[in-house]
Each structure stands twice: as structure tokens, then as C-alpha cells.
C-alpha atoms as a PDB file:
ATOM      1  CA  MET A   1      12.785   8.848  13.379  1.00  0.00           C
ATOM      2  CA  GLY A   2      10.325   6.668  15.272  1.00  0.00           C
ATOM      3  CA  THR A   3      10.197   2.905  15.390  1.00  0.00           C
ATOM      4  CA  LEU A   4       7.639   0.193  14.677  1.00  0.00           C
ATOM      5  CA  LYS A   5       9.255  -2.219  17.127  1.00  0.00           C
ATOM      6  CA  GLY A   6       6.589  -4.407  18.699  1.00  0.00           C
ATOM      7  CA  LYS A   7       3.814  -3.054  16.461  1.00  0.00           C
ATOM      8  CA  THR A   8       1.588  -5.388  14.457  1.00  0.00           C
ATOM      9  CA  LEU A   9       0.932  -4.559  10.812  1.00  0.00           C
ATOM     10  CA  PHE A  10      -1.641  -6.154   8.507  1.00  0.00           C
ATOM     11  CA  ILE A  11      -0.547  -5.544   4.909  1.00  0.00           C
ATOM     12  CA  THR A  12      -2.600  -6.535   1.867  1.00  0.00           C
ATOM     13  CA  GLY A  13      -0.832  -7.563  -1.314  1.00  0.00           C
ATOM     14  CA  ALA A  14       2.384  -8.073   0.645  1.00  0.00           C
ATOM     15  CA  SER A  15       3.886 -11.013  -1.228  1.00  0.00           C
ATOM     16  CA  ARG A  16       5.864  -8.745  -3.569  1.00  0.00           C
ATOM     17  CA  GLY A  17       6.537  -5.177  -4.658  1.00  0.00           C
ATOM     18  CA  ILE A  18       5.705  -2.164  -2.523  1.00  0.00           C
ATOM     19  CA  GLY A  19       3.719  -4.166   0.017  1.00  0.00           C
ATOM     20  CA  LYS A  20       6.643  -6.475   0.705  1.00  0.00           C
ATOM     21  CA  GLU A  21       9.058  -3.537   0.960  1.00  0.00           C
ATOM     22  CA  ILE A  22       6.840  -1.858   3.560  1.00  0.00           C
ATOM     23  CA  ALA A  23       6.782  -5.158   5.449  1.00  0.00           C
ATOM     24  CA  LEU A  24      10.561  -5.500   5.315  1.00  0.00           C
ATOM     25  CA  ARG A  25      11.092  -1.938   6.532  1.00  0.00           C
ATOM     26  CA  ALA A  26       8.846  -2.638   9.516  1.00  0.00           C
ATOM     27  CA  ALA A  27      10.595  -5.965  10.106  1.00  0.00           C
ATOM     28  CA  ARG A  28      13.944  -4.227  10.476  1.00  0.00           C
ATOM     29  CA  ASP A  29      12.431  -2.433  13.491  1.00  0.00           C
ATOM     30  CA  GLY A  30      11.295  -5.736  14.983  1.00  0.00           C
ATOM     31  CA  ALA A  31       7.619  -5.478  14.018  1.00  0.00           C
ATOM     32  CA  ASN A  32       5.043  -8.244  13.621  1.00  0.00           C
ATOM     33  CA  VAL A  33       3.722  -8.453  10.070  1.00  0.00           C
ATOM     34  CA  ALA A  34       0.671 -10.278   8.741  1.00  0.00           C
ATOM     35  CA  LEU A  35       1.074 -10.846   5.005  1.00  0.00           C
ATOM     36  CA  ALA A  36      -2.409 -10.938   3.503  1.00  0.00           C
ATOM     37  CA  ALA A  37      -2.123 -11.851  -0.165  1.00  0.00           C
ATOM     38  CA  LYS A  38      -3.437 -14.346  -2.709  1.00  0.00           C
ATOM     39  CA  THR A  39      -0.162 -15.878  -3.871  1.00  0.00           C
ATOM     40  CA  ALA A  40       0.581 -19.018  -1.896  1.00  0.00           C
ATOM     41  CA  ASP A  41       2.047 -20.962  -4.823  1.00  0.00           C
ATOM     42  CA  THR A  42       4.739 -19.831  -7.226  1.00  0.00           C
ATOM     43  CA  HIS A  43       3.286 -17.738 -10.050  1.00  0.00           C
ATOM     44  CA  PRO A  44       4.643 -18.437 -13.562  1.00  0.00           C
ATOM     45  CA  LYS A  45       5.064 -14.723 -14.340  1.00  0.00           C
ATOM     46  CA  LEU A  46       5.354 -12.966 -10.966  1.00  0.00           C
ATOM     47  CA  PRO A  47       8.006 -13.439  -8.268  1.00  0.00           C
ATOM     48  CA  GLY A  48       7.327 -14.271  -4.648  1.00  0.00           C
ATOM     49  CA  THR A  49       4.671 -15.875  -2.466  1.00  0.00           C
ATOM     50  CA  ILE A  50       3.415 -15.129   1.032  1.00  0.00           C
ATOM     51  CA  TYR A  51       5.829 -17.799   2.277  1.00  0.00           C
ATOM     52  CA  THR A  52       8.961 -16.484   0.561  1.00  0.00           C
ATOM     53  CA  ALA A  53       8.068 -12.990   1.767  1.00  0.00           C
ATOM     54  CA  ALA A  54       7.575 -14.331   5.311  1.00  0.00           C
ATOM     55  CA  ARG A  55      11.059 -15.846   5.270  1.00  0.00           C
ATOM     56  CA  GLU A  56      12.542 -12.512   4.220  1.00  0.00           C
ATOM     57  CA  ILE A  57      10.691 -10.732   7.021  1.00  0.00           C
ATOM     58  CA  GLU A  58      11.958 -13.201   9.615  1.00  0.00           C
ATOM     59  CA  GLU A  59      15.511 -12.813   8.275  1.00  0.00           C
ATOM     60  CA  ALA A  60      15.147  -9.017   8.529  1.00  0.00           C
ATOM     61  CA  GLY A  61      14.322  -9.258  12.233  1.00  0.00           C
ATOM     62  CA  GLY A  62      10.527  -9.272  12.260  1.00  0.00           C
ATOM     63  CA  ASN A  63       7.841 -11.821  13.036  1.00  0.00           C
ATOM     64  CA  ALA A  64       5.799 -12.941  10.037  1.00  0.00           C
ATOM     65  CA  LEU A  65       2.366 -14.474   9.631  1.00  0.00           C
ATOM     66  CA  PRO A  66       1.632 -15.534   6.030  1.00  0.00           C
ATOM     67  CA  LEU A  67      -2.097 -15.552   5.286  1.00  0.00           C
ATOM     68  CA  GLN A  68      -3.640 -16.510   1.961  1.00  0.00           C
ATOM     69  CA  VAL A  69      -6.364 -13.917   1.486  1.00  0.00           C
ATOM     70  CA  ASP A  70      -8.395 -12.666  -1.454  1.00  0.00           C
ATOM     71  CA  ILE A  71      -9.632  -9.295  -0.210  1.00  0.00           C
ATOM     72  CA  ARG A  72     -12.647  -9.433  -2.521  1.00  0.00           C
ATOM     73  CA  PHE A  73     -14.165 -11.806   0.043  1.00  0.00           C
ATOM     74  CA  GLU A  74     -14.888 -10.269   3.426  1.00  0.00           C
ATOM     75  CA  GLY A  75     -15.037 -13.647   5.174  1.00  0.00           C
ATOM     76  CA  GLN A  76     -11.408 -14.295   4.283  1.00  0.00           C
ATOM     77  CA  ILE A  77     -10.382 -10.874   5.586  1.00  0.00           C
ATOM     78  CA  ALA A  78     -12.264 -11.387   8.847  1.00  0.00           C
ATOM     79  CA  GLY A  79     -10.616 -14.761   9.395  1.00  0.00           C
ATOM     80  CA  ALA A  80      -7.174 -13.370   8.662  1.00  0.00           C
ATOM     81  CA  ALA A  81      -7.707 -10.408  10.980  1.00  0.00           C
ATOM     82  CA  ALA A  82      -8.811 -12.690  13.814  1.00  0.00           C
ATOM     83  CA  LYS A  83      -5.811 -14.971  13.276  1.00  0.00           C
ATOM     84  CA  THR A  84      -3.454 -11.975  13.299  1.00  0.00           C
ATOM     85  CA  ALA A  85      -4.894 -10.596  16.540  1.00  0.00           C
ATOM     86  CA  GLU A  86      -4.795 -14.045  18.135  1.00  0.00           C
ATOM     87  CA  THR A  87      -1.166 -14.560  17.086  1.00  0.00           C
ATOM     88  CA  PHE A  88       0.231 -11.161  18.033  1.00  0.00           C
ATOM     89  CA  GLY A  89      -2.200  -9.916  20.674  1.00  0.00           C
ATOM     90  CA  GLY A  90      -3.797  -7.173  18.595  1.00  0.00           C
ATOM     91  CA  ILE A  91      -3.364  -5.092  15.437  1.00  0.00           C
ATOM     92  CA  ASP A  92      -2.011  -1.552  15.246  1.00  0.00           C
ATOM     93  CA  ILE A  93      -1.655  -0.792  11.534  1.00  0.00           C
ATOM     94  CA  LEU A  94      -3.458  -1.639   8.311  1.00  0.00           C
ATOM     95  CA  VAL A  95      -1.758  -0.988   4.976  1.00  0.00           C
ATOM     96  CA  ASN A  96      -4.183  -1.205   2.054  1.00  0.00           C
ATOM     97  CA  ASN A  97      -1.651  -1.931  -0.661  1.00  0.00           C
ATOM     98  CA  ALA A  98      -3.353  -4.586  -2.800  1.00  0.00           C
ATOM     99  CA  SER A  99      -4.407  -3.181  -6.157  1.00  0.00           C
ATOM    100  CA  ALA A 100      -5.345  -4.194  -9.693  1.00  0.00           C
ATOM    101  CA  ILE A 101      -4.456  -2.144 -12.755  1.00  0.00           C
ATOM    102  CA  SER A 102      -5.564  -1.926 -16.381  1.00  0.00           C
ATOM    103  CA  LEU A 103      -4.536   1.193 -18.284  1.00  0.00           C
ATOM    104  CA  THR A 104      -7.234   0.776 -20.906  1.00  0.00           C
ATOM    105  CA  GLY A 105      -9.873   3.026 -22.370  1.00  0.00           C
ATOM    106  CA  THR A 106     -13.601   2.500 -21.996  1.00  0.00           C
ATOM    107  CA  LEU A 107     -14.067   0.355 -25.089  1.00  0.00           C
ATOM    108  CA  ALA A 108     -10.976  -1.713 -24.350  1.00  0.00           C
ATOM    109  CA  THR A 109     -11.819  -2.563 -20.730  1.00  0.00           C
ATOM    110  CA  PRO A 110     -13.649  -5.894 -20.370  1.00  0.00           C
ATOM    111  CA  MET A 111     -16.200  -5.845 -17.573  1.00  0.00           C
ATOM    112  CA  LYS A 112     -14.354  -8.753 -15.967  1.00  0.00           C
ATOM    113  CA  ARG A 113     -11.314  -6.501 -15.628  1.00  0.00           C
ATOM    114  CA  PHE A 114     -13.493  -3.603 -14.440  1.00  0.00           C
ATOM    115  CA  ASP A 115     -14.966  -5.841 -11.747  1.00  0.00           C
ATOM    116  CA  LEU A 116     -11.500  -6.995 -10.687  1.00  0.00           C
ATOM    117  CA  MET A 117     -10.261  -3.420 -10.230  1.00  0.00           C
ATOM    118  CA  PHE A 118     -13.326  -2.369  -8.287  1.00  0.00           C
ATOM    119  CA  GLY A 119     -13.381  -5.608  -6.309  1.00  0.00           C
ATOM    120  CA  VAL A 120      -9.759  -5.275  -5.205  1.00  0.00           C
ATOM    121  CA  ASN A 121      -9.137  -1.543  -5.115  1.00  0.00           C
ATOM    122  CA  VAL A 122     -12.424  -0.145  -3.866  1.00  0.00           C
ATOM    123  CA  ARG A 123     -14.334  -3.006  -2.249  1.00  0.00           C
ATOM    124  CA  GLY A 124     -11.183  -4.668  -0.944  1.00  0.00           C
ATOM    125  CA  THR A 125      -9.913  -1.477   0.669  1.00  0.00           C
ATOM    126  CA  PHE A 126     -13.289  -0.721   2.243  1.00  0.00           C
ATOM    127  CA  ALA A 127     -13.793  -4.301   3.416  1.00  0.00           C
ATOM    128  CA  SER A 128     -10.288  -4.574   4.866  1.00  0.00           C
ATOM    129  CA  SER A 129     -10.697  -1.281   6.704  1.00  0.00           C
ATOM    130  CA  GLN A 130     -14.091  -2.340   8.033  1.00  0.00           C
ATOM    131  CA  ALA A 131     -12.773  -5.691   9.245  1.00  0.00           C
ATOM    132  CA  LEU A 132      -9.615  -4.298  10.858  1.00  0.00           C
ATOM    133  CA  LEU A 133     -11.080  -1.207  12.517  1.00  0.00           C
ATOM    134  CA  PRO A 134     -12.437  -3.037  15.603  1.00  0.00           C
ATOM    135  CA  TYR A 135      -8.853  -4.122  16.301  1.00  0.00           C
ATOM    136  CA  LEU A 136      -7.290  -0.784  15.367  1.00  0.00           C
ATOM    137  CA  LEU A 137      -9.629   1.045  17.733  1.00  0.00           C
ATOM    138  CA  LYS A 138      -7.918  -0.908  20.532  1.00  0.00           C
ATOM    139  CA  GLY A 139      -4.444  -0.547  18.996  1.00  0.00           C
ATOM    140  CA  ASN A 140      -1.429   1.518  19.952  1.00  0.00           C
ATOM    141  CA  ASN A 141      -1.113   4.643  17.768  1.00  0.00           C
ATOM    142  CA  PRO A 142      -3.385   3.058  15.121  1.00  0.00           C
ATOM    143  CA  HIS A 143      -2.994   3.863  11.441  1.00  0.00           C
ATOM    144  CA  ILE A 144      -4.634   2.965   8.142  1.00  0.00           C
ATOM    145  CA  LEU A 145      -2.480   3.772   5.112  1.00  0.00           C
ATOM    146  CA  ASN A 146      -3.901   3.427   1.596  1.00  0.00           C
ATOM    147  CA  LEU A 147      -1.573   3.303  -1.392  1.00  0.00           C
ATOM    148  CA  SER A 148      -3.658   5.687  -3.462  1.00  0.00           C
ATOM    149  CA  PRO A 149      -3.303   9.101  -5.110  1.00  0.00           C
ATOM    150  CA  PRO A 150      -4.410  12.626  -4.258  1.00  0.00           C
ATOM    151  CA  LEU A 151      -7.902  13.328  -5.574  1.00  0.00           C
ATOM    152  CA  SER A 152      -8.338  15.432  -8.705  1.00  0.00           C
ATOM    153  CA  LEU A 153     -11.199  16.029 -11.132  1.00  0.00           C
ATOM    154  CA  ASP A 154      -8.915  17.029 -13.987  1.00  0.00           C
ATOM    155  CA  PRO A 155     -10.225  15.108 -17.040  1.00  0.00           C
ATOM    156  CA  LYS A 156      -6.671  14.247 -18.132  1.00  0.00           C
ATOM    157  CA  TRP A 157      -6.479  11.638 -15.385  1.00  0.00           C
ATOM    158  CA  PHE A 158      -9.680   9.949 -16.600  1.00  0.00           C
ATOM    159  CA  ARG A 159      -9.707  10.137 -20.378  1.00  0.00           C
ATOM    160  CA  ASP A 160      -7.214   7.340 -21.144  1.00  0.00           C
ATOM    161  CA  HIS A 161      -8.035   4.874 -18.345  1.00  0.00           C
ATOM    162  CA  CYS A 162     -11.347   5.885 -16.808  1.00  0.00           C
ATOM    163  CA  ALA A 163     -12.031   2.595 -14.998  1.00  0.00           C
ATOM    164  CA  TYR A 164      -8.596   2.411 -13.358  1.00  0.00           C
ATOM    165  CA  THR A 165      -8.759   6.031 -12.243  1.00  0.00           C
ATOM    166  CA  MET A 166     -12.191   5.541 -10.695  1.00  0.00           C
ATOM    167  CA  ALA A 167     -10.943   2.445  -8.880  1.00  0.00           C
ATOM    168  CA  LYS A 168      -7.843   4.142  -7.456  1.00  0.00           C
ATOM    169  CA  TYR A 169      -9.795   7.244  -6.498  1.00  0.00           C
ATOM    170  CA  GLY A 170     -12.215   4.956  -4.687  1.00  0.00           C
ATOM    171  CA  MET A 171      -9.349   4.047  -2.359  1.00  0.00           C
ATOM    172  CA  SER A 172      -8.619   7.755  -1.876  1.00  0.00           C
ATOM    173  CA  LEU A 173     -12.266   8.484  -1.109  1.00  0.00           C
ATOM    174  CA  CYS A 174     -11.993   5.948   1.716  1.00  0.00           C
ATOM    175  CA  VAL A 175      -9.247   8.156   3.155  1.00  0.00           C
ATOM    176  CA  LEU A 176     -11.377  11.264   2.768  1.00  0.00           C
ATOM    177  CA  GLY A 177     -14.349   9.696   4.531  1.00  0.00           C
ATOM    178  CA  MET A 178     -12.752   7.460   7.143  1.00  0.00           C
ATOM    179  CA  SER A 179     -10.225  10.036   8.326  1.00  0.00           C
ATOM    180  CA  GLY A 180     -13.132  12.248   9.338  1.00  0.00           C
ATOM    181  CA  GLU A 181     -15.192   9.396  10.718  1.00  0.00           C
ATOM    182  CA  PHE A 182     -12.450   8.054  13.010  1.00  0.00           C
ATOM    183  CA  ARG A 183     -10.542  11.236  13.821  1.00  0.00           C
ATOM    184  CA  GLU A 184     -12.019  11.575  17.305  1.00  0.00           C
ATOM    185  CA  ALA A 185     -11.315   7.907  18.010  1.00  0.00           C
ATOM    186  CA  GLY A 186      -7.632   8.508  17.251  1.00  0.00           C
ATOM    187  CA  VAL A 187      -7.280   6.239  14.205  1.00  0.00           C
ATOM    188  CA  ALA A 188      -5.190   7.917  11.514  1.00  0.00           C
ATOM    189  CA  VAL A 189      -6.266   7.336   7.910  1.00  0.00           C
ATOM    190  CA  ASN A 190      -3.894   8.605   5.221  1.00  0.00           C
ATOM    191  CA  ALA A 191      -2.931   8.007   1.607  1.00  0.00           C
ATOM    192  CA  LEU A 192       0.540   7.643   0.116  1.00  0.00           C
ATOM    193  CA  TRP A 193       1.482   7.864  -3.548  1.00  0.00           C
ATOM    194  CA  PRO A 194       4.862   7.814  -5.330  1.00  0.00           C
ATOM    195  CA  LYS A 195       6.095  10.889  -7.170  1.00  0.00           C
ATOM    196  CA  THR A 196       7.709   8.692  -9.816  1.00  0.00           C
ATOM    197  CA  VAL A 197       6.847   5.336 -11.320  1.00  0.00           C
ATOM    198  CA  ILE A 198       8.046   2.508  -9.065  1.00  0.00           C
ATOM    199  CA  ALA A 199       9.776  -0.548 -10.507  1.00  0.00           C
ATOM    200  CA  THR A 200       7.467  -3.430  -9.614  1.00  0.00           C
ATOM    201  CA  ALA A 201       6.553  -6.615 -11.444  1.00  0.00           C
ATOM    202  CA  ALA A 202       3.154  -5.142 -12.350  1.00  0.00           C
ATOM    203  CA  ILE A 203       4.747  -2.032 -13.872  1.00  0.00           C
ATOM    204  CA  ALA A 204       7.385  -4.059 -15.709  1.00  0.00           C
ATOM    205  CA  ALA A 205       4.568  -5.947 -17.429  1.00  0.00           C
ATOM    206  CA  ILE A 206       3.130  -2.756 -18.955  1.00  0.00           C
ATOM    207  CA  PRO A 207       4.327  -2.313 -22.552  1.00  0.00           C
ATOM    208  CA  GLY A 208       6.554   0.688 -23.101  1.00  0.00           C
ATOM    209  CA  VAL A 209       7.658   1.144 -19.491  1.00  0.00           C
ATOM    210  CA  ASP A 210      11.436   1.030 -19.065  1.00  0.00           C
ATOM    211  CA  THR A 211      12.144   0.364 -15.386  1.00  0.00           C
ATOM    212  CA  ARG A 212      15.548   2.040 -15.706  1.00  0.00           C
ATOM    213  CA  HIS A 213      13.576   5.283 -15.450  1.00  0.00           C
ATOM    214  CA  CYS A 214      11.843   4.229 -12.238  1.00  0.00           C
ATOM    215  CA  ARG A 215      12.596   4.301  -8.547  1.00  0.00           C
ATOM    216  CA  LYS A 216      12.819   1.299  -6.243  1.00  0.00           C
ATOM    217  CA  PRO A 217       9.926   0.305  -3.942  1.00  0.00           C
ATOM    218  CA  SER A 218      12.143   1.166  -0.965  1.00  0.00           C
ATOM    219  CA  ILE A 219      11.364   4.884  -1.349  1.00  0.00           C
ATOM    220  CA  VAL A 220       7.668   4.206  -0.749  1.00  0.00           C
ATOM    221  CA  ALA A 221       8.516   1.900   2.159  1.00  0.00           C
ATOM    222  CA  ASP A 222      10.679   4.531   3.832  1.00  0.00           C
ATOM    223  CA  ALA A 223       7.954   7.153   3.380  1.00  0.00           C
ATOM    224  CA  ALA A 224       5.337   4.749   4.764  1.00  0.00           C
ATOM    225  CA  HIS A 225       7.537   4.088   7.792  1.00  0.00           C
ATOM    226  CA  ALA A 226       7.808   7.821   8.458  1.00  0.00           C
ATOM    227  CA  ILE A 227       4.023   8.225   8.307  1.00  0.00           C
ATOM    228  CA  LEU A 228       3.209   5.170  10.405  1.00  0.00           C
ATOM    229  CA  THR A 229       5.467   6.298  13.235  1.00  0.00           C
ATOM    230  CA  ARG A 230       3.772   9.712  13.492  1.00  0.00           C
ATOM    231  CA  ASP A 231       1.115  10.498  16.093  1.00  0.00           C
ATOM    232  CA  SER A 232      -2.172   9.098  14.852  1.00  0.00           C
ATOM    233  CA  ARG A 233      -4.248  11.868  16.418  1.00  0.00           C
ATOM    234  CA  SER A 234      -2.394  14.680  14.688  1.00  0.00           C
ATOM    235  CA  CYS A 235      -1.486  12.996  11.391  1.00  0.00           C
ATOM    236  CA  THR A 236      -4.661  12.025   9.565  1.00  0.00           C
ATOM    237  CA  GLY A 237      -6.588  12.889   6.415  1.00  0.00           C
ATOM    238  CA  ASN A 238      -3.449  13.531   4.357  1.00  0.00           C
ATOM    239  CA  PHE A 239      -2.651  12.655   0.758  1.00  0.00           C
ATOM    240  CA  PHE A 240       1.090  12.196   1.002  1.00  0.00           C
ATOM    241  CA  VAL A 241       3.662  11.938  -1.799  1.00  0.00           C
ATOM    242  CA  ASP A 242       6.694   9.781  -0.989  1.00  0.00           C
ATOM    243  CA  GLU A 243       9.417  12.281  -1.888  1.00  0.00           C
ATOM    244  CA  GLU A 244       7.716  15.085   0.029  1.00  0.00           C
ATOM    245  CA  VAL A 245       7.389  12.918   3.140  1.00  0.00           C
ATOM    246  CA  LEU A 246      11.074  12.021   3.085  1.00  0.00           C
ATOM    247  CA  ALA A 247      12.114  15.599   2.390  1.00  0.00           C
ATOM    248  CA  SER A 248      10.208  16.631   5.525  1.00  0.00           C
ATOM    249  CA  GLU A 249      12.266  14.025   7.398  1.00  0.00           C
ATOM    250  CA  GLY A 250      15.501  15.617   6.215  1.00  0.00           C
ATOM    251  CA  VAL A 251      16.301  13.448   3.187  1.00  0.00           C
ATOM    252  CA  THR A 252      17.989  15.483   0.447  1.00  0.00           C
ATOM    253  CA  ASP A 253      19.653  12.849  -1.741  1.00  0.00           C
ATOM    254  CA  PHE A 254      17.190  10.573  -3.530  1.00  0.00           C
ATOM    255  CA  SER A 255      19.687   9.020  -5.935  1.00  0.00           C
ATOM    256  CA  ARG A 256      19.923   5.809  -3.898  1.00  0.00           C
ATOM    257  CA  TYR A 257      16.294   5.085  -4.715  1.00  0.00           C
ATOM    258  CA  ALA A 258      16.823   5.225  -8.484  1.00  0.00           C
ATOM    259  CA  VAL A 259      16.963   1.957 -10.411  1.00  0.00           C
ATOM    260  CA  GLU A 260      19.598   3.614 -12.618  1.00  0.00           C
ATOM    261  CA  PRO A 261      21.050   6.705 -10.912  1.00  0.00           C
ATOM    262  CA  GLY A 262      21.172   9.674 -13.259  1.00  0.00           C
ATOM    263  CA  ALA A 263      18.526   8.366 -15.653  1.00  0.00           C
ATOM    264  CA  PRO A 264      15.486  10.641 -16.194  1.00  0.00           C
ATOM    265  CA  LEU A 265      12.592   9.565 -13.973  1.00  0.00           C
ATOM    266  CA  LEU A 266       9.083   8.802 -15.158  1.00  0.00           C
ATOM    267  CA  PRO A 267       6.477  10.843 -13.255  1.00  0.00           C
ATOM    268  CA  ASP A 268       3.660   8.776 -11.833  1.00  0.00           C
ATOM    269  CA  PHE A 269      -0.004   9.149 -12.739  1.00  0.00           C
ATOM    270  CA  PHE A 270      -2.252  11.622 -10.929  1.00  0.00           C
ATOM    271  CA  LEU A 271       0.516  14.102 -10.068  1.00  0.00           C
ATOM    272  CA  ASP A 272       1.219  17.316 -11.936  1.00  0.00           C
ATOM    273  CA  PRO A 273       4.923  18.074 -12.594  1.00  0.00           C
ATOM    274  CA  SER A 274       6.421  20.261  -9.874  1.00  0.00           C
END
């Protein structure tokens, strides 16, 4: 397996959950990680801040740069990108992880929540990619990785939470378009999605979800690491699923990723049972 040693990653929403796990996995290789997230002060309901995450990254062997960024505002992204490049001498990888969720039907989705999902998921992903691409085009084996699902027009993925599905698919459409646009320039643009529900603070807050039937964020982080160490010119335009990526790397036992080994796993949205 390849290494991210010496690479510089810019990860949105990296103060907790999957984003932080991807950062920690890179840190264990000796990578530089810019943590672009909103949480600078302790949240009453959610664990972690950009500063606590930065300490963990340093302890894991990486170099951390905590940056308070709301990706709905392109000026903040541009400033954070410039600071990252100035600090580490460039940027090689962008992970568009930040996301907002509301599993509500059309009549139960306030427009304020709709705007948040589109502002973070779609606009934030596009704006972050736009701001980071000038640096990535000069990077070493440059990658953009969006935490978004494979595209499907099956109505079952829209009928119960139309706004959320549109917002997540907006991130995936960025992969579809940008992978073609920047293929010749050698910038890889891919998507990654978990096969099962991942135990994060956001998921734990959803009524009816028992995290004992989930996997840990580390499975997504290990899959992301495998993708980000592949050749950017030959690995682009893919909609990866975490378990399939790791299986292709020779992993056969996934029990260590289970929150409660042996418990039935909840399949994630947007994937048909295999």
C-alpha cells in the first residue's frame, strides 16, 4: 500500500467523524493536514473542535493546521487555502467531507434547512474544489475525493428525503463533471461512499438509528487512504464504495470495523443490497 508521507491534505469538516478519521490515517503516514471546519469552540451536543483534532493529528505523527472555515463562504475557503499552501509549500489533496443532513420529506423540510444542505453539500463542495484546484494543479499526484454516493435516478432514493438526496447527488455531479474536466491535467476526482451506516455523531442524533449496527469511521478512512495513494492519472471518475475498495486491496475480514462485531449491519442510503 502507498503512503501519504509528506503530502498536504485539505479536509473540510475535519473536526470530527469521518473527516477526522481520514486526517488521522494520513497523519500516521507523516502527512500535513489542514483541518477546515466551523467548530473552533466546544459544541454542547457534538464532540471535538479543530484544535482537539489538530492535537490528535500531531500525536499520530502528522503536522496539523487548524483553520476555522465555513465553506458556504468562498472568501473563507480562499484564505484557508492560501494559508495552507504558505504553511506547507503547496496542496496535494482535497477531501470534500463537510456535509449537512436532514432526512425529511418535502413538506417537513424548512427552506432554511434546504439552504443549509445546498450551501454546504453542493455549493461548499464546488467552491472548495474551485479554490483548491489552482494549488492541486501544481501538486504531487493530486486528488479530490468527495464523500458522496453513486448516482441513481431510482425514485426510492428521493421519495422520503428529496432535498437531502438532491444535495448529496450535487456533490456526486461535481465528480462526474470535474473528473472529465481535469483528467488531462492529471487531477483525480473521485467519490467514496460507505456500504453500511457509519457511527458518527450526526448519525447518532437521528432517531431510530442504533449505532451498534454501524461500522466505525475507520473503514472509510482506510478506503480513502487506498484511493488517495493511487495514480491520479489512471484513477479518476470513480464512484467507490468503501468495502469494495478495501477488498481490492486484499482485505477479507471486516469485523474489526464493526461497532459491535457480529451484529447485523445497517445498509447505507443510495446503495442496493448486494
